Protein backbone atom coordinates (compact mmCIF):
# COMPACT_ATOMS: atom_id res chain seq x y z
CA MET A 1 -0.54 -11.00 -5.16
CA LYS A 2 0.62 -9.94 -1.73
CA ASN A 3 4.19 -11.12 -2.38
CA PHE A 4 4.67 -8.04 -4.52
CA PHE A 5 3.40 -5.51 -2.00
CA PRO A 6 6.84 -4.90 -0.55
CA PHE A 7 7.39 -2.78 -3.61
CA LEU A 8 4.10 -0.98 -3.18
CA PHE A 9 5.09 0.18 0.27
CA ALA A 10 8.82 0.28 -0.22
CA ALA A 11 8.53 2.82 -2.98
CA PHE A 12 7.66 5.52 -0.43
CA ILE A 13 10.24 5.16 2.33
CA SER A 14 11.74 8.56 1.60
CA ALA A 15 10.95 11.57 3.75
CA GLY A 16 9.59 14.91 2.57
CA ALA A 17 12.75 15.74 0.65
CA PHE A 18 11.28 14.01 -2.40
CA ALA A 19 7.68 15.13 -1.87
CA GLN A 20 7.60 17.67 -4.69
CA GLU A 21 9.51 15.67 -7.28
CA ALA A 22 7.81 14.24 -10.34
CA PRO A 23 5.96 11.07 -9.36
CA ASP A 24 8.00 8.73 -11.54
CA VAL A 25 11.26 10.19 -10.28
CA LEU A 26 10.03 9.95 -6.70
CA ILE A 27 9.09 6.28 -6.95
CA LYS A 28 12.26 5.19 -8.74
CA LYS A 29 14.59 7.03 -6.41
CA VAL A 30 13.06 5.83 -3.18
CA THR A 31 12.52 2.29 -4.48
CA ASP A 32 16.24 2.01 -5.20
CA GLU A 33 16.99 3.25 -1.69
CA VAL A 34 14.62 0.95 0.14
CA LEU A 35 15.63 -2.17 -1.75
CA GLU A 36 19.20 -1.48 -0.75
CA ILE A 37 18.10 -1.14 2.88
CA VAL A 38 16.12 -4.39 2.84
CA ARG A 39 18.97 -6.22 1.14
CA ASN A 40 21.20 -5.33 4.08
CA ASP A 41 18.65 -5.83 6.86
CA LYS A 42 19.01 -9.41 8.08
CA ASP A 43 16.22 -9.02 10.63
CA ILE A 44 13.62 -8.30 7.96
CA GLN A 45 14.98 -11.01 5.69
CA ASN A 46 14.76 -13.49 8.57
CA GLY A 47 11.08 -12.79 9.11
CA ASP A 48 10.97 -9.91 11.59
CA THR A 49 7.48 -8.72 10.65
CA HIS A 50 7.31 -6.29 13.56
CA LYS A 51 10.36 -4.49 12.20
CA ALA A 52 8.76 -4.42 8.75
CA ILE A 53 5.58 -2.94 10.23
CA ALA A 54 7.58 -0.31 12.07
CA LEU A 55 9.28 0.58 8.80
CA VAL A 56 5.95 0.98 7.04
CA ASP A 57 4.36 2.95 9.89
CA ALA A 58 7.23 5.36 10.34
CA GLN A 59 8.33 6.13 6.80
CA ILE A 60 5.75 5.08 4.22
CA LEU A 61 2.26 6.06 5.33
CA PRO A 62 2.68 9.82 4.67
CA HIS A 63 2.93 9.07 0.96
CA PHE A 64 -0.49 7.41 0.66
CA ASN A 65 -3.85 9.12 0.50
CA PHE A 66 -5.65 6.63 2.74
CA PRO A 67 -8.94 8.59 2.96
CA HIS A 68 -9.19 8.52 -0.84
CA MET A 69 -8.15 4.85 -0.99
CA THR A 70 -10.73 3.92 1.63
CA ALA A 71 -13.48 5.90 -0.12
CA LEU A 72 -12.74 4.09 -3.37
CA ALA A 73 -12.68 0.70 -1.65
CA VAL A 74 -16.01 1.33 0.11
CA GLY A 75 -17.56 2.72 -3.08
CA LYS A 76 -21.01 4.30 -3.18
CA ASP A 77 -21.66 3.44 0.47
CA TRP A 78 -18.93 5.87 1.54
CA ARG A 79 -21.38 8.77 1.22
CA LYS A 80 -23.76 7.06 3.64
CA ALA A 81 -21.13 6.95 6.39
CA THR A 82 -20.92 9.69 9.01
CA THR A 83 -17.69 11.64 9.40
CA GLN A 84 -16.81 9.54 12.43
CA GLN A 85 -17.49 6.30 10.56
CA GLN A 86 -15.35 7.47 7.65
CA GLN A 87 -12.50 8.21 10.04
CA GLN A 88 -12.87 4.79 11.68
CA LEU A 89 -12.99 3.03 8.32
CA THR A 90 -9.88 4.85 7.14
CA ALA A 91 -7.94 3.99 10.29
CA GLU A 92 -8.90 0.32 10.23
CA PHE A 93 -8.30 -0.03 6.47
CA LYS A 94 -4.87 1.52 6.84
CA THR A 95 -4.01 -0.88 9.64
CA LEU A 96 -5.29 -3.81 7.59
CA LEU A 97 -3.11 -2.95 4.61
CA VAL A 98 -0.02 -2.41 6.74
CA ARG A 99 -0.44 -5.63 8.75
CA THR A 100 -1.41 -7.71 5.74
CA TYR A 101 1.39 -6.69 3.42
CA SER A 102 4.32 -5.66 5.60
CA ASN A 103 5.23 -9.32 6.12
CA ALA A 104 5.85 -9.49 2.38
CA LEU A 105 8.96 -7.37 2.96
CA THR A 106 10.49 -10.43 4.60
CA GLY A 107 10.15 -12.32 1.31
CA TYR A 108 12.48 -10.02 -0.61
CA ARG A 109 15.39 -11.81 -2.25
CA ASP A 110 16.64 -10.85 -5.70
CA GLN A 111 13.69 -9.05 -7.25
CA LYS A 112 14.37 -6.05 -9.43
CA VAL A 113 12.05 -3.22 -10.43
CA LYS A 114 11.98 -1.82 -13.94
CA PHE A 115 10.07 1.41 -14.52
CA LYS A 116 8.45 2.15 -17.86
CA PRO A 117 8.87 5.53 -19.58
CA ILE A 118 6.12 8.08 -19.05
CA LYS A 119 5.49 11.63 -20.21
CA ILE A 120 4.05 13.85 -17.48
CA GLY A 121 2.84 17.33 -18.34
CA ALA A 122 3.27 20.28 -16.01
CA ALA A 123 -0.50 20.54 -15.64
CA ASP A 124 -1.09 16.84 -14.93
CA THR A 125 -2.58 16.09 -11.52
CA ASP A 126 -3.42 12.39 -11.95
CA VAL A 127 -0.97 9.89 -13.43
CA LEU A 128 -0.33 6.18 -13.74
CA ILE A 129 3.24 5.06 -13.07
CA ARG A 130 3.94 1.67 -14.59
CA SER A 131 6.62 -0.70 -13.36
CA GLU A 132 7.53 -4.34 -13.58
CA ILE A 133 8.78 -6.71 -10.91
CA GLN A 134 11.45 -9.00 -12.31
CA GLN A 135 12.72 -12.13 -10.59
CA SER A 136 14.95 -14.89 -11.89
CA GLY A 137 12.96 -17.93 -12.95
CA SER A 138 9.59 -16.19 -12.89
CA LYS A 139 7.52 -14.16 -15.33
CA PRO A 140 7.60 -10.38 -14.74
CA VAL A 141 4.66 -8.99 -12.79
CA GLN A 142 3.11 -5.64 -13.71
CA LEU A 143 2.86 -3.16 -10.83
CA ASP A 144 1.14 0.18 -11.49
CA TYR A 145 0.71 3.15 -9.16
CA SER A 146 -2.24 5.55 -9.49
CA MET A 147 -1.09 8.89 -8.10
CA GLU A 148 -2.66 12.29 -7.61
CA LYS A 149 -1.05 15.65 -7.02
CA LEU A 150 -2.10 17.39 -3.82
CA ASP A 151 -0.81 20.52 -2.13
CA SER A 152 1.44 18.29 -0.03
CA GLY A 153 2.87 16.50 -3.05
CA TRP A 154 2.16 13.35 -5.05
CA LYS A 155 0.20 10.64 -3.22
CA VAL A 156 -0.79 7.09 -4.11
CA TYR A 157 -4.51 6.32 -4.09
CA ASP A 158 -4.52 2.91 -5.76
CA VAL A 159 -2.13 0.18 -6.83
CA THR A 160 -2.72 -2.42 -9.53
CA VAL A 161 -0.83 -5.71 -9.34
CA ALA A 162 -0.96 -8.04 -12.35
CA GLY A 163 -4.08 -6.24 -13.54
CA ILE A 164 -5.87 -6.37 -10.18
CA SER A 165 -6.67 -3.05 -8.51
CA LEU A 166 -6.17 -2.97 -4.75
CA VAL A 167 -9.25 -0.84 -4.06
CA THR A 168 -11.44 -2.74 -6.51
CA ASN A 169 -10.32 -6.02 -4.98
CA TYR A 170 -11.62 -4.88 -1.59
CA ARG A 171 -14.77 -3.19 -2.90
CA ASP A 172 -16.71 -6.42 -3.44
CA GLN A 173 -15.77 -7.69 0.02
CA PHE A 174 -16.68 -4.41 1.70
CA GLY A 175 -19.95 -4.17 -0.20
CA GLN A 176 -21.02 -7.57 1.05
CA GLU A 177 -20.14 -6.68 4.63
CA ILE A 178 -22.16 -3.47 4.40
CA ARG A 179 -25.16 -5.33 3.01
CA ASN A 180 -24.95 -7.75 5.92
CA GLY A 181 -24.25 -5.38 8.79
CA GLY A 182 -24.11 -1.80 7.59
CA ILE A 183 -21.16 0.57 7.91
CA ASP A 184 -20.64 -0.32 11.57
CA GLY A 185 -20.60 -3.99 10.62
CA LEU A 186 -17.82 -3.35 8.11
CA ILE A 187 -15.81 -1.42 10.70
CA GLN A 188 -16.18 -4.27 13.18
CA THR A 189 -15.18 -6.86 10.58
CA ILE A 190 -12.01 -5.01 9.61
CA ALA A 191 -11.14 -4.37 13.25
CA ALA A 192 -11.58 -8.09 14.04
CA LYS A 193 -9.31 -8.99 11.11
CA ASN A 194 -6.68 -6.58 12.39
CA LYS A 195 -6.82 -8.13 15.87
CA SER A 196 -6.45 -11.58 14.35
CA LEU A 197 -3.42 -10.50 12.35
CA GLU A 198 -1.89 -8.88 15.43
CA SER A 199 -2.45 -12.07 17.43
CA THR A 200 -0.72 -14.10 14.73
CA LEU A 201 2.25 -11.76 14.79
CA VAL A 202 2.54 -11.97 18.58
CA LYS A 203 2.50 -15.78 18.48
CA ALA A 204 5.07 -15.84 15.67
CA SER A 205 7.45 -13.63 17.66
CA LYS A 206 7.45 -15.93 20.72
């Protein structure tokens, strides 16, 4: 599943110039741009995960609604969390997603993205953008973006890869952690995972 997350993140490398465009136009345009960048970046292709993380941190995060994503992933227990806990959960979840999937950028080779036609009405504020990852010798993989229209533009709040929702995939894990140790226990678990991933990256870079 994670091998296809380069395209999840890559689709949003563009700056605010595209923020008010239709969501399907936004994703297609910036996906084409970022794939061209990765194709020509030998460092990322050779496994420079730190450079991939920097790319995600600097240019992609503004296009995701992480508070909404985190709330969906936590589920009904989100309402039990204090404002401070919600902020901590959002920060740690964001770090987890970036550290977990940015290394997938290094696996890019000859994949292509095909977007499926969609009709979006002027009054629509929640849409599903469907695309397909195509690679020679492999079956196409469905990649869908759930997007919502905010005052700041269109934002992603969930991604579905091969029929598996990102936020739903985490919800069961998070629910179990909350049952075992409460909201603070979940925060500590995600933070520990982030530290482990960071340690792995440091060792790999030596």
